[in-house]
Amino acid sequence: METGTILIVDDNKSVLASLELLLENEFSTVRTAANPNQITTLLTTTSIDIVILDMNFSAGINNGNEGLYWLKRIHEIRPTLPVVMLTAYGDVELAVKALKNGATDFLLKPWDNRTLVLKIKEAYNHKSNRKSSSKSKSQTTGSVNPNKPEMLIGHSPAMLQLIKVVNKVAKTDANILITGENGTGKEMLAREIHRLSPRNPRPMLSIDMGAISESLFESELFGHERGAFTDAYESRPGKFEAASGSSLFMDEIGNLPLALQAKLLTVLQNRNITRIGSNKVVPVDIRLISATNKDIPEMVKQGLFREDLFYRINTIHLEIPPLRERGDDILLFIETFLHRFASKYQRPEMRMHEQTIEKLRSYHWPGNIRELQHAIEKAVILCEGNVIRPKDILVKQTWKPQTTSTVPNLEEVERQAIETAILQNNGNLTATAEQLGISRQTLYNKLKRFKP
């Protein structure tokens, strides 16, 4: 039996059942999907080794264009993943077209079981050999695997649109500003952008701009020469110089004081640095990715952030929606984190009770994905049995209005109105803000004030 994972995508459930039954004795894990829209999520959350892909999904259509489209999408996400095409309407021309578009092989329905298994194993073994060769080369060169996704994408419309933009801009050197609440995955998105960029052979460097003191700013970013200041016992390159030829991720850039913003702007404009204690100008070639949870345009209005620096870092703006606005994406994170921590803490039989999943879905997650991850990890550690029940999820309950004979104050009325609107709009804060007649930013501010 092969140790890999095979994914079968076909809208015919009988075909899925037959192939699963046939291949479960040949591969350690067999995953199936009746809807091709699941492909993106499965490839970004599961280690798939080979795909069997149907070429037609819509009734009455047999030209194979749907299969070719999804073949292209698969190779956009995993360029080297072997894909074996499957169709009941095969002909030589269609087979050649699929192979020219990157398919590993081509099979016709009805298939011969022996031939199908043989071809699937050949494709898998070819992939394994290539992977082994690539791993050996990686160990020699010290390079990273550029085909491994860094973040969970999900299939909510907002995230699919975001990744569509990312796939376009990642191939450029345009400066990118990522915004979003704490815990939404801004650094993971930055790593995904770098992975998809031509600069991925070199690792991305990161720096927390909010954690740099003014006295160390120039040394950290631009470097210093030996003896330039007390404790400078040896020369050291700064982040800009070290990241030259790669990407530099500046996290929490909204926390950078005005005095330091001017110094950063100068380097971004000139694309060169001078180490402390040196007169030598060193050119740098970096792709800048910045992130913040602050409202930079509002900070510009208040004079807290330089407008010229804002435009310099903001060639492309990407906003990650909070978890509560991503619909059923939360189910993907629940499954992923449960599997991760059940494996980590050697509790493979762990599963979620249905009421627990409902509790997780109804909670508003002010800490977003990071808070969900911590909640599930704690539940796996503390749960006494193999079933995680609602009581095992240690999160603060959302506020619920209580029946009382006293007249509530205005803040309580406002809080109740917001809570009711959020429930009516299934957690969609954009729709909630529209219903309440306020901006989304105003709604965020009010929710932060109500946070216990």
Protein backbone atom coordinates (compact mmCIF):
# COMPACT_ATOMS: atom_id res chain seq x y z
CA MET A 1 0.00 0.00 0.00
CA GLU A 2 1.20 3.51 -0.86
CA THR A 3 1.47 5.93 2.08
CA GLY A 4 0.18 8.95 0.16
CA THR A 5 -3.16 10.73 -0.01
CA ILE A 6 -5.28 10.62 -3.16
CA LEU A 7 -8.07 13.07 -3.96
CA ILE A 8 -10.92 12.02 -6.28
CA VAL A 9 -13.11 14.79 -7.74
CA ASP A 10 -16.25 13.72 -9.61
CA ASP A 11 -19.87 14.88 -9.44
CA ASN A 12 -21.12 11.29 -9.81
CA LYS A 13 -21.37 9.85 -6.30
CA SER A 14 -21.45 6.29 -7.66
CA VAL A 15 -18.11 6.92 -9.36
CA LEU A 16 -16.71 8.36 -6.14
CA ALA A 17 -17.87 5.35 -4.12
CA SER A 18 -16.46 2.88 -6.66
CA LEU A 19 -13.08 4.58 -6.89
CA GLU A 20 -12.85 5.00 -3.13
CA LEU A 21 -13.58 1.29 -2.65
CA LEU A 22 -11.03 0.36 -5.30
CA LEU A 23 -8.22 2.64 -4.09
CA GLU A 24 -8.61 2.44 -0.32
CA ASN A 25 -6.57 -0.77 -0.42
CA GLU A 26 -3.87 0.94 -2.50
CA PHE A 27 -3.43 4.29 -0.67
CA SER A 28 -3.38 5.04 3.04
CA THR A 29 -5.82 7.95 2.66
CA VAL A 30 -8.51 8.52 0.02
CA ARG A 31 -10.37 11.86 -0.04
CA THR A 32 -13.40 12.51 -2.28
CA ALA A 33 -15.18 15.65 -3.46
CA ALA A 34 -18.42 15.77 -5.44
CA ASN A 35 -18.09 19.52 -6.05
CA PRO A 36 -14.97 20.91 -7.79
CA ASN A 37 -15.33 24.13 -5.77
CA GLN A 38 -13.93 22.15 -2.84
CA ILE A 39 -10.60 21.67 -4.62
CA THR A 40 -9.05 24.99 -3.52
CA THR A 41 -9.83 24.39 0.14
CA LEU A 42 -8.66 20.77 0.11
CA LEU A 43 -5.35 21.60 -1.56
CA THR A 44 -4.62 24.41 0.90
CA THR A 45 -5.52 22.40 4.00
CA THR A 46 -4.55 18.81 3.16
CA SER A 47 -1.34 17.20 1.98
CA ILE A 48 -2.61 15.74 -1.31
CA ASP A 49 -0.19 13.58 -3.33
CA ILE A 50 -2.24 12.90 -6.48
CA VAL A 51 -5.61 13.93 -7.94
CA ILE A 52 -8.10 12.02 -10.10
CA LEU A 53 -10.17 14.71 -11.81
CA ASP A 54 -13.35 14.33 -13.85
CA MET A 55 -13.45 16.45 -17.01
CA ASN A 56 -17.18 17.27 -17.02
CA PHE A 57 -19.34 18.44 -14.13
CA SER A 58 -22.38 20.15 -15.68
CA ALA A 59 -25.18 18.04 -17.18
CA GLY A 60 -25.20 18.02 -20.97
CA ILE A 61 -21.68 19.41 -21.31
CA ASN A 62 -18.98 17.03 -22.54
CA ASN A 63 -16.31 19.24 -24.10
CA GLY A 64 -13.94 18.83 -21.15
CA ASN A 65 -13.50 22.58 -20.58
CA GLU A 66 -14.54 22.34 -16.94
CA GLY A 67 -11.90 19.72 -16.26
CA LEU A 68 -9.25 21.78 -18.05
CA TYR A 69 -10.22 24.83 -15.99
CA TRP A 70 -9.83 22.95 -12.70
CA LEU A 71 -6.60 21.36 -13.92
CA LYS A 72 -5.24 24.87 -14.41
CA ARG A 73 -6.46 25.97 -10.93
CA ILE A 74 -4.83 22.92 -9.31
CA HIS A 75 -1.47 23.73 -10.89
CA GLU A 76 -1.76 27.39 -9.88
CA ILE A 77 -1.91 26.19 -6.27
CA ARG A 78 0.38 23.12 -6.56
CA PRO A 79 2.37 23.33 -9.80
CA THR A 80 3.97 19.88 -9.52
CA LEU A 81 0.95 17.91 -8.30
CA PRO A 82 0.15 14.95 -10.64
CA VAL A 83 -3.41 15.00 -12.01
CA VAL A 84 -5.00 12.06 -13.84
CA MET A 85 -8.02 13.10 -15.93
CA LEU A 86 -11.15 10.94 -16.07
CA THR A 87 -14.03 11.20 -18.56
CA ALA A 88 -16.79 9.17 -20.15
CA TYR A 89 -16.49 11.17 -23.36
CA GLY A 90 -12.83 10.71 -24.17
CA ASP A 91 -11.27 10.99 -27.56
CA VAL A 92 -7.74 11.41 -28.81
CA GLU A 93 -8.03 15.18 -29.29
CA LEU A 94 -9.35 15.76 -25.77
CA ALA A 95 -6.71 13.48 -24.27
CA VAL A 96 -3.92 15.31 -26.06
CA LYS A 97 -5.36 18.67 -24.97
CA ALA A 98 -5.43 17.57 -21.32
CA LEU A 99 -1.86 16.27 -21.48
CA LYS A 100 -0.66 19.50 -23.13
CA ASN A 101 -2.26 21.42 -20.26
CA GLY A 102 -0.24 19.52 -17.68
CA ALA A 103 -2.25 16.36 -16.96
CA THR A 104 -0.12 13.38 -15.97
CA ASP A 105 -2.35 10.79 -17.63
CA PHE A 106 -5.83 10.20 -19.04
CA LEU A 107 -8.42 7.47 -18.26
CA LEU A 108 -11.80 6.66 -19.81
CA LYS A 109 -15.05 5.58 -18.15
CA PRO A 110 -15.79 2.73 -17.78
CA TRP A 111 -12.30 1.92 -16.62
CA ASP A 112 -10.44 -1.31 -16.22
CA ASN A 113 -9.59 -1.64 -12.53
CA ARG A 114 -6.13 -3.10 -13.09
CA THR A 115 -5.20 -0.43 -15.65
CA LEU A 116 -6.52 2.38 -13.48
CA VAL A 117 -4.61 1.26 -10.39
CA LEU A 118 -1.45 0.77 -12.46
CA LYS A 119 -1.62 4.27 -13.98
CA ILE A 120 -2.43 5.94 -10.66
CA LYS A 121 0.52 4.22 -8.98
CA GLU A 122 2.83 5.17 -11.84
CA ALA A 123 1.81 8.82 -11.50
CA TYR A 124 2.22 8.68 -7.72
CA ASN A 125 5.64 7.03 -7.85
CA HIS A 126 6.83 9.54 -10.45
CA LYS A 127 5.74 12.32 -8.12
CA SER A 128 7.41 10.69 -5.11
CA ASN A 129 10.70 10.29 -6.98
CA ARG A 130 10.59 13.92 -8.07
CA LYS A 131 9.77 15.00 -4.52
CA SER A 132 12.69 12.98 -3.13
CA SER A 133 15.03 14.51 -5.68
CA SER A 134 13.71 17.98 -4.87
CA LYS A 135 14.16 17.36 -1.13
CA SER A 136 17.75 16.29 -1.67
CA LYS A 137 18.43 19.37 -3.73
CA SER A 138 16.74 21.56 -1.11
CA GLN A 139 18.96 20.14 1.61
CA THR A 140 21.99 20.91 -0.54
CA THR A 141 21.00 24.47 -1.46
CA GLY A 142 19.14 25.40 1.72
CA SER A 143 16.08 26.53 -0.25
CA VAL A 144 12.49 26.29 0.96
CA ASN A 145 9.53 24.54 -0.66
CA PRO A 146 7.73 27.24 -2.69
CA ASN A 147 4.71 25.01 -3.39
CA LYS A 148 3.56 24.65 0.21
CA PRO A 149 0.71 27.08 1.00
CA GLU A 150 1.37 29.13 4.14
CA MET A 151 -2.24 29.83 5.08
CA LEU A 152 -5.72 28.35 5.11
CA ILE A 153 -7.74 30.06 2.40
CA GLY A 154 -11.30 28.84 2.86
CA HIS A 155 -14.06 29.25 0.30
CA SER A 156 -15.96 32.33 1.49
CA PRO A 157 -16.52 34.88 -1.32
CA ALA A 158 -14.40 37.50 0.46
CA MET A 159 -11.38 35.21 0.78
CA LEU A 160 -11.66 33.82 -2.75
CA GLN A 161 -11.70 37.37 -4.10
CA LEU A 162 -8.74 38.28 -1.88
CA ILE A 163 -6.67 35.33 -3.13
CA LYS A 164 -7.60 36.17 -6.71
CA VAL A 165 -6.01 39.59 -6.21
CA VAL A 166 -3.03 38.06 -4.38
CA ASN A 167 -2.32 35.72 -7.30
CA LYS A 168 -2.12 38.76 -9.58
CA VAL A 169 0.00 41.08 -7.45
CA ALA A 170 2.35 38.46 -5.95
CA LYS A 171 4.22 38.15 -9.24
CA THR A 172 5.05 41.88 -9.20
CA ASP A 173 7.33 43.93 -6.94
CA ALA A 174 4.53 46.31 -5.90
CA ASN A 175 4.54 47.37 -2.23
CA ILE A 176 1.60 45.83 -0.37
CA LEU A 177 -0.25 47.00 2.75
CA ILE A 178 -2.25 44.29 4.56
CA THR A 179 -4.89 45.45 7.04
CA GLY A 180 -7.20 43.54 9.33
CA GLU A 181 -8.02 42.88 12.96
CA ASN A 182 -5.61 41.13 15.31
CA GLY A 183 -5.50 37.39 14.73
CA THR A 184 -6.81 37.39 11.15
CA GLY A 185 -3.57 36.04 9.66
CA LYS A 186 -1.83 39.09 8.21
CA GLU A 187 1.65 37.60 8.51
CA MET A 188 0.46 34.31 6.99
CA LEU A 189 -0.92 36.25 4.02
CA ALA A 190 2.41 38.04 3.66
CA ARG A 191 4.17 34.66 3.55
CA GLU A 192 1.68 33.43 0.95
CA ILE A 193 2.43 36.49 -1.20
CA HIS A 194 6.15 35.81 -0.90
CA ARG A 195 5.65 32.12 -1.71
CA LEU A 196 3.86 33.04 -4.94
CA SER A 197 6.45 35.64 -5.92
CA PRO A 198 9.63 35.23 -8.01
CA ARG A 199 11.58 36.08 -4.83
CA ASN A 200 10.60 32.84 -3.02
CA PRO A 201 13.99 31.07 -3.41
CA ARG A 202 15.18 33.32 -0.57
CA PRO A 203 13.34 33.43 2.80
CA MET A 204 11.18 36.40 3.68
CA LEU A 205 12.46 38.49 6.59
CA SER A 206 10.10 39.94 9.21
CA ILE A 207 10.34 42.76 11.71
CA ASP A 208 7.85 44.08 14.28
CA MET A 209 7.91 47.84 13.78
CA GLY A 210 5.99 48.50 16.97
CA ALA A 211 8.62 46.73 19.07
CA ILE A 212 11.64 48.73 17.86
CA SER A 213 12.86 51.46 20.19
CA GLU A 214 13.97 54.72 18.61
CA SER A 215 17.56 54.17 19.76
CA LEU A 216 17.80 50.81 17.97
CA PHE A 217 15.75 51.67 14.87
CA GLU A 218 18.62 52.51 12.53
CA SER A 219 20.79 49.63 13.74
CA GLU A 220 17.98 47.08 13.28
CA LEU A 221 16.91 48.28 9.85
CA PHE A 222 20.12 49.66 8.33
CA GLY A 223 22.87 47.83 10.23
CA HIS A 224 26.08 49.08 11.88
CA GLU A 225 29.84 48.79 11.73
CA ARG A 226 32.03 47.47 14.50
CA GLY A 227 32.66 50.13 17.17
CA ALA A 228 29.91 52.44 15.86
CA PHE A 229 28.43 52.60 19.38
CA THR A 230 28.74 50.94 22.79
CA ASP A 231 28.34 47.15 22.59
CA ALA A 232 28.80 47.16 18.79
CA TYR A 233 31.48 44.47 19.00
CA GLU A 234 31.10 43.36 15.40
CA SER A 235 29.68 44.63 12.12
CA ARG A 236 26.13 43.55 11.34
CA PRO A 237 23.82 44.09 8.35
CA GLY A 238 20.35 45.47 9.01
CA LYS A 239 17.04 43.99 7.87
CA PHE A 240 17.04 45.93 4.58
CA GLU A 241 20.47 44.67 3.58
CA ALA A 242 19.78 41.10 4.72
CA ALA A 243 16.47 41.03 2.81
CA SER A 244 17.94 42.36 -0.43
CA GLY A 245 16.75 40.14 -3.27
CA SER A 246 13.83 38.91 -1.16
CA SER A 247 10.77 40.28 0.65
CA LEU A 248 10.75 42.35 3.85
CA PHE A 249 7.64 42.13 6.04
CA MET A 250 7.07 45.09 8.37
CA ASP A 251 4.42 44.14 10.90
CA GLU A 252 2.50 46.71 12.98
CA ILE A 253 3.76 49.57 10.83
CA GLY A 254 0.95 51.76 12.20
CA ASN A 255 2.77 51.84 15.57
CA LEU A 256 5.87 53.51 14.13
CA PRO A 257 6.49 56.97 15.67
CA LEU A 258 6.52 59.98 13.35
CA ALA A 259 10.25 60.64 13.82
CA LEU A 260 11.08 57.14 12.61
CA GLN A 261 8.60 57.31 9.74
CA ALA A 262 10.73 60.00 8.08
CA LYS A 263 13.85 57.80 8.23
CA LEU A 264 11.97 54.85 6.77
CA LEU A 265 10.54 56.97 3.97
CA THR A 266 14.00 58.15 2.91
CA VAL A 267 15.26 54.58 2.49
CA LEU A 268 12.12 53.49 0.60
CA GLN A 269 12.50 56.41 -1.77
CA ASN A 270 16.23 56.02 -2.42
CA ARG A 271 16.40 52.23 -2.18
CA ASN A 272 19.77 52.36 -0.45
CA ILE A 273 21.05 52.37 3.12
CA THR A 274 24.11 53.48 5.01
CA ARG A 275 25.19 51.48 8.04
CA ILE A 276 25.77 53.34 11.29
CA GLY A 277 29.48 54.18 11.51
CA SER A 278 30.01 53.92 7.74
CA ASN A 279 29.94 56.31 4.81
CA LYS A 280 29.39 53.59 2.24
CA VAL A 281 26.02 53.67 0.45
CA VAL A 282 24.63 50.16 -0.04
CA PRO A 283 21.86 49.64 -2.65
CA VAL A 284 19.04 47.33 -1.55
CA ASP A 285 16.49 45.44 -3.62
CA ILE A 286 13.54 44.49 -1.43
CA ARG A 287 9.85 43.82 -1.95
CA LEU A 288 8.04 45.59 0.91
CA ILE A 289 4.98 44.04 2.56
CA SER A 290 3.51 45.93 5.51
CA ALA A 291 0.69 45.12 7.91
CA THR A 292 -1.35 46.90 10.56
CA ASN A 293 -4.63 46.66 12.45
CA LYS A 294 -4.90 50.44 12.61
CA ASP A 295 -6.90 52.81 10.39
CA ILE A 296 -3.97 54.47 8.58
CA PRO A 297 -6.08 56.97 6.55
CA GLU A 298 -7.61 58.21 9.82
CA MET A 299 -4.13 58.46 11.35
CA VAL A 300 -3.04 60.54 8.35
CA LYS A 301 -5.96 62.91 8.97
CA GLN A 302 -4.95 63.22 12.62
CA GLY A 303 -1.32 63.87 11.72
CA LEU A 304 -0.13 60.62 13.31
CA PHE A 305 1.11 59.01 10.09
CA ARG A 306 2.93 60.63 7.18
CA GLU A 307 0.79 60.81 4.07
CA ASP A 308 3.80 60.37 1.74
CA LEU A 309 4.86 57.22 3.60
CA PHE A 310 1.30 55.90 3.45
CA TYR A 311 1.25 56.20 -0.34
CA ARG A 312 4.72 54.68 -0.56
CA ILE A 313 3.73 51.48 1.28
CA ASN A 314 0.21 51.29 -0.12
CA THR A 315 0.59 50.54 -3.83
CA ILE A 316 -1.74 47.58 -3.28
CA HIS A 317 -4.09 47.39 -0.28
CA LEU A 318 -5.35 43.99 0.90
CA GLU A 319 -7.86 43.73 3.76
CA ILE A 320 -8.41 40.40 5.50
CA PRO A 321 -12.00 40.07 6.76
CA PRO A 322 -12.50 39.01 10.39
CA LEU A 323 -13.44 35.41 11.06
CA ARG A 324 -17.05 36.33 11.94
CA GLU A 325 -17.54 37.61 8.36
CA ARG A 326 -16.20 34.50 6.66
CA GLY A 327 -19.27 32.27 6.94
CA ASP A 328 -18.56 28.54 6.96
CA ASP A 329 -14.79 29.06 6.69
CA ILE A 330 -14.81 28.57 10.46
CA LEU A 331 -15.64 24.89 9.87
CA LEU A 332 -12.40 24.54 7.93
CA PHE A 333 -10.40 26.04 10.81
CA ILE A 334 -12.20 23.89 13.38
CA GLU A 335 -11.37 20.70 11.45
CA THR A 336 -7.78 21.76 10.80
CA PHE A 337 -6.99 22.83 14.37
CA LEU A 338 -8.70 19.77 15.87
CA HIS A 339 -6.65 17.45 13.65
CA ARG A 340 -3.44 19.38 14.37
CA PHE A 341 -3.74 19.38 18.14
CA ALA A 342 -5.20 15.88 18.42
CA SER A 343 -2.09 14.71 16.60
CA LYS A 344 0.24 16.92 18.64
CA TYR A 345 -1.10 15.70 21.98
CA GLN A 346 -1.53 12.09 20.80
CA ARG A 347 -5.31 12.01 21.07
CA PRO A 348 -6.28 10.75 17.58
CA GLU A 349 -9.84 9.77 18.57
CA MET A 350 -10.87 13.33 19.46
CA ARG A 351 -13.97 14.73 17.77
CA MET A 352 -16.37 17.65 18.15
CA HIS A 353 -19.91 17.29 19.45
CA GLU A 354 -22.47 18.93 17.15
CA GLN A 355 -23.50 21.38 19.87
CA THR A 356 -19.84 22.33 20.30
CA ILE A 357 -19.58 23.20 16.62
CA GLU A 358 -22.71 25.33 16.93
CA LYS A 359 -21.20 27.13 19.92
CA LEU A 360 -18.03 27.80 17.97
CA ARG A 361 -20.01 29.08 14.99
CA SER A 362 -22.22 31.40 17.05
CA TYR A 363 -19.36 33.02 19.01
CA HIS A 364 -18.17 36.36 17.57
CA TRP A 365 -14.40 35.64 17.93
CA PRO A 366 -12.97 39.08 18.72
CA GLY A 367 -9.50 37.48 18.61
CA ASN A 368 -10.29 35.88 15.24
CA ILE A 369 -8.38 32.79 14.01
CA ARG A 370 -5.73 33.05 16.72
CA GLU A 371 -8.38 32.95 19.47
CA LEU A 372 -10.14 29.99 17.82
CA GLN A 373 -6.85 28.13 17.55
CA HIS A 374 -6.06 28.64 21.24
CA ALA A 375 -9.61 27.66 22.27
CA ILE A 376 -9.43 24.35 20.41
CA GLU A 377 -5.93 23.60 21.68
CA LYS A 378 -7.08 24.13 25.28
CA ALA A 379 -10.14 21.95 24.66
CA VAL A 380 -8.01 19.08 23.30
CA ILE A 381 -5.69 19.30 26.32
CA LEU A 382 -8.38 19.57 29.01
CA CYS A 383 -11.18 17.38 27.57
CA GLU A 384 -11.57 14.27 29.74
CA GLY A 385 -13.11 12.07 27.05
CA ASN A 386 -12.79 11.79 23.28
CA VAL A 387 -15.70 14.10 22.51
CA ILE A 388 -15.23 17.86 22.92
CA ARG A 389 -18.45 19.25 24.39
CA PRO A 390 -19.58 22.89 24.68
CA LYS A 391 -18.32 23.15 28.28
CA ASP A 392 -14.80 22.32 27.04
CA ILE A 393 -14.68 25.46 24.87
CA LEU A 394 -13.46 28.15 27.26
CA VAL A 395 -14.60 31.42 25.69
CA LYS A 396 -16.57 34.30 27.12
CA GLN A 397 -20.23 34.14 26.23
CA THR A 398 -21.71 36.82 24.03
CA TRP A 399 -23.85 39.37 25.87
CA LYS A 400 -27.52 38.44 26.13
CA PRO A 401 -30.25 40.89 27.19
CA GLN A 402 -31.95 39.99 30.46
CA THR A 403 -35.57 40.59 31.42
CA THR A 404 -35.66 43.32 34.02
CA SER A 405 -38.17 45.77 35.45
CA THR A 406 -35.61 48.58 35.49
CA VAL A 407 -35.17 50.96 32.55
CA PRO A 408 -31.86 50.26 30.76
CA ASN A 409 -29.48 53.14 30.11
CA LEU A 410 -28.65 54.28 26.58
CA GLU A 411 -25.44 52.26 26.39
CA GLU A 412 -27.33 49.05 27.23
CA VAL A 413 -29.98 49.84 24.60
CA GLU A 414 -27.27 50.48 21.99
CA ARG A 415 -25.50 47.28 22.94
CA GLN A 416 -28.71 45.26 22.69
CA ALA A 417 -29.51 46.78 19.28
CA ILE A 418 -26.06 45.89 17.95
CA GLU A 419 -26.24 42.35 19.35
CA THR A 420 -29.67 41.80 17.79
CA ALA A 421 -28.56 43.18 14.42
CA ILE A 422 -25.46 40.92 14.40
CA LEU A 423 -27.63 37.86 15.06
CA GLN A 424 -30.12 38.87 12.36
CA ASN A 425 -27.29 39.25 9.84
CA ASN A 426 -25.57 35.97 10.82
CA GLY A 427 -22.45 37.75 12.02
CA ASN A 428 -21.92 39.80 8.83
CA LEU A 429 -20.72 43.14 10.22
CA THR A 430 -20.98 44.97 6.90
CA ALA A 431 -24.70 44.14 6.66
CA THR A 432 -25.09 44.88 10.38
CA ALA A 433 -23.56 48.34 9.98
CA GLU A 434 -25.86 49.07 7.03
CA GLN A 435 -28.90 47.98 9.02
CA LEU A 436 -27.90 50.20 11.96
CA GLY A 437 -27.09 53.15 9.68
CA ILE A 438 -23.46 53.46 10.79
CA SER A 439 -20.09 52.81 9.16
CA ARG A 440 -18.34 49.49 9.65
CA GLN A 441 -15.44 51.22 11.41
CA THR A 442 -17.89 52.84 13.86
CA LEU A 443 -19.40 49.43 14.50
CA TYR A 444 -15.93 47.96 15.16
CA ASN A 445 -15.19 50.75 17.62
CA LYS A 446 -18.44 50.15 19.49
CA LEU A 447 -17.80 46.40 19.66
CA LYS A 448 -14.36 47.03 21.12
CA ARG A 449 -15.94 49.27 23.78
CA PHE A 450 -18.47 46.57 24.66
CA LYS A 451 -15.83 43.84 24.80
CA PRO A 452 -15.67 42.45 28.38
